[in-house]
Amino acid sequence: MNGNVTWETLSWVIGICSIVGAIVSGFLWKIHYDINGVKREAYEKADKNAKDIADLKAEIPEKYVSKSDHSEGNSQLLRAIEGLAGRIDSRIDSLTQSLMTVLRARGSSE
């Protein structure tokens, strides 16, 4: 193999290197295309998830009570409790007066 390099041998070597280079380039292009496809799918999923989260953020205030509604409900509840407390106080006062009347009647009858 120490002979002279002929044009025929050189053309075969260049041809084989070209074919190998084309195959390697094809594989690299295919890998690059697959990576871009996966990346594209990931971006689409991320966009979909971001849209879903935005929809949920818009939906939550519609489903739940706002702070003003909550404070209004609390004030109505407090007014109802105050009214109930007033009625209980008046009942206790009337019971106390009835008890005092009964005790006076017993005290005067003895």
N, C-alpha and C. Protein backbone atom coordinates (compact mmCIF):
# COMPACT_ATOMS: atom_id res chain seq x y z
N MET A 1 0.80 -1.19 0.00
CA MET A 1 0.00 0.00 0.00
C MET A 1 0.84 1.26 0.00
N ASN A 2 2.07 1.11 -0.30
CA ASN A 2 2.92 2.28 -0.36
C ASN A 2 3.04 2.82 -1.76
N GLY A 3 2.13 2.44 -2.61
CA GLY A 3 2.21 2.86 -4.00
C GLY A 3 1.68 4.28 -4.19
N ASN A 4 1.71 4.68 -5.42
CA ASN A 4 1.22 6.01 -5.76
C ASN A 4 -0.29 6.07 -5.64
N VAL A 5 -0.80 7.25 -5.25
CA VAL A 5 -2.24 7.46 -5.17
C VAL A 5 -2.69 7.90 -6.55
N THR A 6 -3.63 7.14 -7.06
CA THR A 6 -4.12 7.47 -8.40
C THR A 6 -5.38 8.31 -8.26
N TRP A 7 -5.76 8.93 -9.37
CA TRP A 7 -6.98 9.74 -9.38
C TRP A 7 -8.22 8.87 -9.14
N GLU A 8 -8.15 7.64 -9.58
CA GLU A 8 -9.29 6.74 -9.38
C GLU A 8 -9.46 6.44 -7.89
N THR A 9 -8.40 6.15 -7.18
CA THR A 9 -8.47 5.88 -5.74
C THR A 9 -8.92 7.12 -4.99
N LEU A 10 -8.38 8.26 -5.35
CA LEU A 10 -8.73 9.51 -4.70
C LEU A 10 -10.20 9.84 -4.92
N SER A 11 -10.74 9.57 -6.10
CA SER A 11 -12.15 9.85 -6.37
C SER A 11 -13.05 8.91 -5.56
N TRP A 12 -12.62 7.64 -5.38
CA TRP A 12 -13.39 6.72 -4.54
C TRP A 12 -13.41 7.20 -3.09
N VAL A 13 -12.30 7.62 -2.58
CA VAL A 13 -12.22 8.10 -1.18
C VAL A 13 -13.10 9.34 -1.00
N ILE A 14 -13.02 10.26 -1.95
CA ILE A 14 -13.84 11.47 -1.86
C ILE A 14 -15.32 11.12 -1.97
N GLY A 15 -15.68 10.18 -2.82
CA GLY A 15 -17.07 9.76 -2.97
C GLY A 15 -17.61 9.12 -1.70
N ILE A 16 -16.82 8.22 -1.11
CA ILE A 16 -17.25 7.55 0.12
C ILE A 16 -17.38 8.57 1.26
N CYS A 17 -16.42 9.48 1.36
CA CYS A 17 -16.50 10.52 2.41
C CYS A 17 -17.73 11.40 2.20
N SER A 18 -18.06 11.69 0.95
CA SER A 18 -19.25 12.49 0.66
C SER A 18 -20.51 11.76 1.08
N ILE A 19 -20.57 10.47 0.77
CA ILE A 19 -21.75 9.68 1.14
C ILE A 19 -21.88 9.59 2.66
N VAL A 20 -20.77 9.32 3.34
CA VAL A 20 -20.79 9.25 4.81
C VAL A 20 -21.18 10.60 5.40
N GLY A 21 -20.66 11.66 4.84
CA GLY A 21 -21.00 13.01 5.31
C GLY A 21 -22.48 13.31 5.12
N ALA A 22 -23.05 12.88 3.97
CA ALA A 22 -24.47 13.10 3.72
C ALA A 22 -25.33 12.31 4.71
N ILE A 23 -24.92 11.07 5.01
CA ILE A 23 -25.67 10.25 5.96
C ILE A 23 -25.62 10.87 7.36
N VAL A 24 -24.42 11.28 7.79
CA VAL A 24 -24.28 11.91 9.10
C VAL A 24 -25.08 13.20 9.16
N SER A 25 -25.04 13.99 8.09
CA SER A 25 -25.82 15.23 8.06
C SER A 25 -27.31 14.94 8.14
N GLY A 26 -27.76 13.89 7.45
CA GLY A 26 -29.17 13.50 7.51
C GLY A 26 -29.58 13.11 8.92
N PHE A 27 -28.74 12.32 9.59
CA PHE A 27 -29.04 11.95 10.97
C PHE A 27 -29.09 13.16 11.89
N LEU A 28 -28.13 14.06 11.73
CA LEU A 28 -28.11 15.27 12.57
C LEU A 28 -29.34 16.15 12.30
N TRP A 29 -29.73 16.26 11.01
CA TRP A 29 -30.92 17.05 10.69
C TRP A 29 -32.16 16.43 11.32
N LYS A 30 -32.26 15.08 11.24
CA LYS A 30 -33.41 14.37 11.82
C LYS A 30 -33.45 14.59 13.34
N ILE A 31 -32.33 14.49 14.02
CA ILE A 31 -32.28 14.74 15.46
C ILE A 31 -32.70 16.17 15.77
N HIS A 32 -32.19 17.13 15.00
CA HIS A 32 -32.54 18.54 15.20
C HIS A 32 -34.04 18.74 14.99
N TYR A 33 -34.61 18.12 13.98
CA TYR A 33 -36.03 18.25 13.69
C TYR A 33 -36.86 17.65 14.83
N ASP A 34 -36.45 16.48 15.33
CA ASP A 34 -37.17 15.85 16.45
C ASP A 34 -37.10 16.71 17.71
N ILE A 35 -35.95 17.27 17.99
CA ILE A 35 -35.81 18.14 19.16
C ILE A 35 -36.71 19.36 19.03
N ASN A 36 -36.75 19.96 17.84
CA ASN A 36 -37.62 21.12 17.63
C ASN A 36 -39.10 20.74 17.77
N GLY A 37 -39.45 19.52 17.33
CA GLY A 37 -40.84 19.06 17.47
C GLY A 37 -41.22 18.91 18.93
N VAL A 38 -40.33 18.32 19.71
CA VAL A 38 -40.60 18.16 21.14
C VAL A 38 -40.68 19.53 21.81
N LYS A 39 -39.78 20.42 21.41
CA LYS A 39 -39.79 21.77 21.99
C LYS A 39 -41.09 22.49 21.63
N ARG A 40 -41.53 22.35 20.41
CA ARG A 40 -42.77 22.98 19.95
C ARG A 40 -43.97 22.44 20.75
N GLU A 41 -44.01 21.11 20.96
CA GLU A 41 -45.09 20.51 21.74
C GLU A 41 -45.06 21.02 23.18
N ALA A 42 -43.86 21.16 23.74
CA ALA A 42 -43.75 21.66 25.11
C ALA A 42 -44.26 23.10 25.20
N TYR A 43 -43.93 23.93 24.21
CA TYR A 43 -44.43 25.31 24.21
C TYR A 43 -45.94 25.35 24.06
N GLU A 44 -46.49 24.48 23.22
CA GLU A 44 -47.95 24.43 23.05
C GLU A 44 -48.63 24.01 24.35
N LYS A 45 -48.07 23.01 25.04
CA LYS A 45 -48.64 22.58 26.31
C LYS A 45 -48.53 23.69 27.35
N ALA A 46 -47.40 24.39 27.36
CA ALA A 46 -47.22 25.48 28.32
C ALA A 46 -48.22 26.60 28.04
N ASP A 47 -48.44 26.92 26.77
CA ASP A 47 -49.44 27.94 26.43
C ASP A 47 -50.84 27.51 26.84
N LYS A 48 -51.15 26.23 26.62
CA LYS A 48 -52.46 25.71 27.01
C LYS A 48 -52.62 25.78 28.52
N ASN A 49 -51.59 25.39 29.26
CA ASN A 49 -51.65 25.44 30.72
C ASN A 49 -51.78 26.88 31.22
N ALA A 50 -51.06 27.80 30.59
CA ALA A 50 -51.17 29.21 30.98
C ALA A 50 -52.58 29.72 30.73
N LYS A 51 -53.18 29.32 29.61
CA LYS A 51 -54.55 29.72 29.31
C LYS A 51 -55.53 29.13 30.32
N ASP A 52 -55.31 27.85 30.68
CA ASP A 52 -56.18 27.22 31.69
C ASP A 52 -56.07 27.93 33.03
N ILE A 53 -54.87 28.29 33.42
CA ILE A 53 -54.68 29.00 34.68
C ILE A 53 -55.35 30.37 34.63
N ALA A 54 -55.22 31.06 33.51
CA ALA A 54 -55.87 32.37 33.37
C ALA A 54 -57.39 32.22 33.45
N ASP A 55 -57.93 31.17 32.84
CA ASP A 55 -59.38 30.93 32.92
C ASP A 55 -59.80 30.66 34.36
N LEU A 56 -58.99 29.88 35.09
CA LEU A 56 -59.32 29.61 36.48
C LEU A 56 -59.27 30.88 37.32
N LYS A 57 -58.27 31.74 37.06
CA LYS A 57 -58.18 32.99 37.81
C LYS A 57 -59.39 33.86 37.55
N ALA A 58 -59.92 33.80 36.35
CA ALA A 58 -61.12 34.57 36.03
C ALA A 58 -62.37 33.91 36.62
N GLU A 59 -62.34 32.60 36.76
CA GLU A 59 -63.51 31.85 37.22
C GLU A 59 -63.66 31.90 38.74
N ILE A 60 -62.57 31.96 39.47
CA ILE A 60 -62.62 31.91 40.93
C ILE A 60 -63.45 33.05 41.52
N PRO A 61 -63.25 34.30 41.11
CA PRO A 61 -64.09 35.36 41.69
C PRO A 61 -65.57 35.19 41.37
N GLU A 62 -65.89 34.56 40.25
CA GLU A 62 -67.29 34.34 39.91
C GLU A 62 -67.92 33.30 40.82
N LYS A 63 -67.14 32.32 41.26
CA LYS A 63 -67.68 31.23 42.06
C LYS A 63 -67.76 31.58 43.54
N TYR A 64 -66.83 32.36 44.02
CA TYR A 64 -66.76 32.61 45.45
C TYR A 64 -67.18 34.03 45.77
N VAL A 65 -67.49 34.24 47.03
CA VAL A 65 -68.00 35.53 47.48
C VAL A 65 -66.86 36.54 47.52
N SER A 66 -67.18 37.76 47.12
CA SER A 66 -66.18 38.82 47.21
C SER A 66 -66.10 39.32 48.64
N LYS A 67 -65.11 40.13 48.95
CA LYS A 67 -64.93 40.63 50.31
C LYS A 67 -66.10 41.51 50.74
N SER A 68 -66.62 42.31 49.84
CA SER A 68 -67.73 43.19 50.22
C SER A 68 -68.99 42.37 50.52
N ASP A 69 -69.23 41.32 49.73
CA ASP A 69 -70.36 40.45 50.02
C ASP A 69 -70.19 39.75 51.36
N HIS A 70 -68.97 39.35 51.64
CA HIS A 70 -68.67 38.67 52.90
C HIS A 70 -68.90 39.61 54.08
N SER A 71 -68.43 40.84 54.00
CA SER A 71 -68.62 41.79 55.10
C SER A 71 -70.09 42.15 55.25
N GLU A 72 -70.83 42.24 54.15
CA GLU A 72 -72.26 42.51 54.23
C GLU A 72 -72.99 41.37 54.93
N GLY A 73 -72.63 40.15 54.63
CA GLY A 73 -73.21 38.99 55.30
C GLY A 73 -72.90 38.98 56.79
N ASN A 74 -71.66 39.36 57.12
CA ASN A 74 -71.28 39.44 58.54
C ASN A 74 -72.10 40.50 59.27
N SER A 75 -72.29 41.65 58.65
CA SER A 75 -73.06 42.71 59.32
C SER A 75 -74.52 42.30 59.50
N GLN A 76 -75.09 41.60 58.53
CA GLN A 76 -76.47 41.10 58.68
C GLN A 76 -76.54 40.09 59.82
N LEU A 77 -75.56 39.22 59.92
CA LEU A 77 -75.54 38.24 60.99
C LEU A 77 -75.41 38.92 62.35
N LEU A 78 -74.56 39.93 62.45
CA LEU A 78 -74.41 40.65 63.71
C LEU A 78 -75.70 41.37 64.09
N ARG A 79 -76.40 41.96 63.14
CA ARG A 79 -77.68 42.62 63.44
C ARG A 79 -78.71 41.61 63.94
N ALA A 80 -78.72 40.43 63.32
CA ALA A 80 -79.65 39.39 63.76
C ALA A 80 -79.33 38.93 65.17
N ILE A 81 -78.06 38.78 65.48
CA ILE A 81 -77.65 38.38 66.83
C ILE A 81 -78.03 39.46 67.84
N GLU A 82 -77.83 40.73 67.50
CA GLU A 82 -78.21 41.82 68.40
C GLU A 82 -79.71 41.82 68.66
N GLY A 83 -80.50 41.59 67.62
CA GLY A 83 -81.95 41.52 67.80
C GLY A 83 -82.34 40.36 68.69
N LEU A 84 -81.69 39.23 68.51
CA LEU A 84 -81.96 38.07 69.34
C LEU A 84 -81.55 38.34 70.79
N ALA A 85 -80.44 39.00 70.98
CA ALA A 85 -79.99 39.34 72.34
C ALA A 85 -81.00 40.27 73.01
N GLY A 86 -81.53 41.23 72.27
CA GLY A 86 -82.55 42.13 72.83
C GLY A 86 -83.80 41.37 73.24
N ARG A 87 -84.21 40.42 72.44
CA ARG A 87 -85.41 39.62 72.77
C ARG A 87 -85.15 38.77 74.00
N ILE A 88 -83.95 38.19 74.09
CA ILE A 88 -83.61 37.39 75.27
C ILE A 88 -83.59 38.27 76.51
N ASP A 89 -83.01 39.47 76.41
CA ASP A 89 -82.98 40.40 77.55
C ASP A 89 -84.39 40.76 78.00
N SER A 90 -85.29 41.03 77.06
CA SER A 90 -86.67 41.38 77.43
C SER A 90 -87.36 40.19 78.09
N ARG A 91 -87.11 38.98 77.64
CA ARG A 91 -87.70 37.79 78.27
C ARG A 91 -87.16 37.62 79.68
N ILE A 92 -85.88 37.82 79.85
CA ILE A 92 -85.29 37.70 81.20
C ILE A 92 -85.87 38.76 82.12
N ASP A 93 -86.05 39.99 81.63
CA ASP A 93 -86.65 41.05 82.43
C ASP A 93 -88.08 40.69 82.84
N SER A 94 -88.85 40.17 81.88
CA SER A 94 -90.24 39.81 82.21
C SER A 94 -90.28 38.64 83.20
N LEU A 95 -89.38 37.68 83.06
CA LEU A 95 -89.31 36.57 84.01
C LEU A 95 -88.89 37.05 85.40
N THR A 96 -87.95 38.00 85.42
CA THR A 96 -87.50 38.56 86.69
C THR A 96 -88.65 39.29 87.38
N GLN A 97 -89.41 40.07 86.63
CA GLN A 97 -90.56 40.79 87.20
C GLN A 97 -91.62 39.81 87.70
N SER A 98 -91.86 38.74 86.93
CA SER A 98 -92.84 37.75 87.37
C SER A 98 -92.38 37.05 88.64
N LEU A 99 -91.10 36.73 88.70
CA LEU A 99 -90.55 36.08 89.89
C LEU A 99 -90.63 37.01 91.09
N MET A 100 -90.35 38.29 90.90
CA MET A 100 -90.43 39.27 92.00
C MET A 100 -91.88 39.40 92.48
N THR A 101 -92.81 39.37 91.55
CA THR A 101 -94.22 39.46 91.92
C THR A 101 -94.62 38.23 92.74
N VAL A 102 -94.17 37.05 92.33
CA VAL A 102 -94.49 35.82 93.06
C VAL A 102 -93.85 35.87 94.43
N LEU A 103 -92.61 36.31 94.54
CA LEU A 103 -91.92 36.37 95.82
C LEU A 103 -92.59 37.39 96.75
N ARG A 104 -93.03 38.52 96.23
CA ARG A 104 -93.72 39.53 97.05
C ARG A 104 -95.04 38.97 97.56
N ALA A 105 -95.74 38.24 96.66
CA ALA A 105 -97.03 37.66 97.05
C ALA A 105 -96.82 36.62 98.14
N ARG A 106 -95.79 35.85 98.08
CA ARG A 106 -95.50 34.86 99.11
C ARG A 106 -95.10 35.55 100.41
N GLY A 107 -94.31 36.62 100.24
CA GLY A 107 -93.85 37.33 101.44
C GLY A 107 -95.00 38.02 102.16
N SER A 108 -95.96 38.51 101.46
CA SER A 108 -97.09 39.20 102.07
C SER A 108 -98.10 38.21 102.62
N SER A 109 -98.14 36.99 102.08
CA SER A 109 -99.09 36.00 102.54
C SER A 109 -98.60 35.29 103.80
N GLU A 110 -97.36 35.39 104.10
CA GLU A 110 -96.85 34.71 105.29
C GLU A 110 -97.06 35.49 106.50
